[in-house]
Protein backbone atom coordinates (compact mmCIF):
# COMPACT_ATOMS: atom_id res chain seq x y z
CA UNK A 1 0.00 0.00 0.00
CA UNK A 2 1.38 3.42 -0.91
CA UNK A 3 1.85 5.73 2.04
CA UNK A 4 -0.58 8.43 0.84
CA UNK A 5 -3.93 7.17 -0.39
CA UNK A 6 -7.41 8.54 0.29
CA UNK A 7 -9.14 6.03 2.58
CA UNK A 8 -12.33 5.74 4.55
CA UNK A 9 -11.91 3.39 7.49
CA UNK A 10 -13.52 1.94 10.61
CA UNK A 11 -11.88 1.43 13.97
CA UNK A 12 -13.41 -0.71 16.71
CA UNK A 13 -12.86 -1.22 20.41
CA UNK A 14 -13.18 -4.98 19.92
CA UNK A 15 -15.43 -7.53 18.25
CA UNK A 16 -18.86 -5.87 18.04
CA UNK A 17 -17.53 -3.01 20.17
CA UNK A 18 -17.81 0.72 19.62
CA UNK A 19 -17.24 1.78 16.00
CA UNK A 20 -15.57 4.90 14.65
CA UNK A 21 -15.72 5.92 10.97
CA UNK A 22 -13.00 8.21 9.68
CA UNK A 23 -11.14 9.38 6.59
CA UNK A 24 -7.45 9.93 5.95
CA UNK A 25 -4.79 10.13 3.26
CA UNK A 26 -2.28 8.25 5.44
CA UNK A 27 -3.96 5.13 6.82
CA UNK A 28 -0.96 3.64 8.63
CA UNK A 29 -0.12 6.96 10.27
CA UNK A 30 -3.71 7.56 11.29
CA UNK A 31 -4.09 4.07 12.78
CA UNK A 32 -0.89 4.68 14.79
CA UNK A 33 -2.44 7.90 16.13
CA UNK A 34 -5.56 5.99 17.23
CA UNK A 35 -3.46 3.28 18.88
CA UNK A 36 -1.21 5.77 20.67
CA UNK A 37 -4.20 7.91 21.71
CA UNK A 38 -2.46 10.96 20.29
CA UNK A 39 -5.60 13.10 20.41
CA UNK A 40 -8.41 13.48 22.90
CA UNK A 41 -11.81 12.57 21.59
CA UNK A 42 -14.16 9.77 20.68
CA UNK A 43 -11.64 7.05 19.83
CA UNK A 44 -9.58 7.64 22.96
CA UNK A 45 -12.69 7.75 25.15
CA UNK A 46 -14.04 4.48 23.75
CA UNK A 47 -10.74 2.69 23.07
CA UNK A 48 -11.18 2.29 19.31
CA UNK A 49 -7.74 0.93 18.38
CA UNK A 50 -8.46 -1.91 15.94
CA UNK A 51 -8.65 -1.25 12.21
CA UNK A 52 -11.51 -3.53 11.16
CA UNK A 53 -12.37 -2.15 7.70
CA UNK A 54 -11.03 0.28 5.12
CA UNK A 55 -11.58 1.21 1.52
CA UNK A 56 -9.24 3.14 -0.75
CA UNK A 57 -10.80 5.80 -2.96
CA UNK A 58 -9.72 7.81 -5.96
CA UNK A 59 -9.86 11.24 -4.29
CA UNK A 60 -10.34 12.74 -0.85
CA UNK A 61 -13.69 14.07 -2.03
CA UNK A 62 -14.97 10.57 -2.82
CA UNK A 63 -13.83 9.08 0.49
CA UNK A 64 -15.28 12.00 2.45
CA UNK A 65 -18.63 11.49 0.73
CA UNK A 66 -18.47 7.75 1.54
CA UNK A 67 -17.56 8.49 5.17
CA UNK A 68 -20.55 10.83 5.53
CA UNK A 69 -22.87 8.21 4.05
CA UNK A 70 -21.54 5.40 6.27
CA UNK A 71 -21.85 7.55 9.39
CA UNK A 72 -25.59 7.83 8.69
CA UNK A 73 -26.04 4.05 8.34
CA UNK A 74 -27.57 1.96 11.12
CA UNK A 75 -25.01 0.06 13.19
CA UNK A 76 -25.98 -3.34 11.76
CA UNK A 77 -25.23 -2.11 8.22
CA UNK A 78 -21.74 -1.06 9.36
CA UNK A 79 -21.23 -4.46 11.03
CA UNK A 80 -22.35 -6.22 7.85
CA UNK A 81 -19.88 -4.16 5.80
CA UNK A 82 -17.06 -5.16 8.15
CA UNK A 83 -18.06 -8.81 8.23
CA UNK A 84 -18.20 -9.15 4.43
CA UNK A 85 -14.44 -8.70 4.25
CA UNK A 86 -13.37 -9.36 7.84
CA UNK A 87 -15.77 -11.87 9.45
CA UNK A 88 -13.54 -12.43 12.48
CA UNK A 89 -13.08 -8.70 13.12
CA UNK A 90 -9.29 -9.07 12.93
CA UNK A 91 -7.05 -6.02 13.25
CA UNK A 92 -6.26 -5.25 9.61
CA UNK A 93 -3.41 -2.95 10.64
CA UNK A 94 -1.25 -6.05 11.13
CA UNK A 95 -1.47 -6.68 7.39
CA UNK A 96 -0.32 -3.10 6.82
CA UNK A 97 2.87 -3.71 8.79
CA UNK A 98 1.85 -2.63 12.30
CA UNK A 99 2.33 -4.86 15.33
CA UNK A 100 -0.52 -6.91 16.73
CA UNK A 101 -2.25 -5.25 19.67
CA UNK A 102 -1.58 -6.91 23.00
């Protein structure tokens, strides 16, 4: 994966835990920020440190539009989206070169 790609992604606090939907142009860097709790806010408060789903887009505009749409979805739709590609809710960041969470 190239370092800079527009992505929409979901972080979770665990299997079927709290979900966070975000957008970035540097997925690995952004996941590291979530894991290290670099910023105060939702993901720190709820412990969303596992990358459970992401999708690469053509432009930041397209991934922002997708993020806004997904944020409006019911929770079960988001869970279904995750489970289509990641039925075990594994931390996909490991496949991007980051260490497994302990």
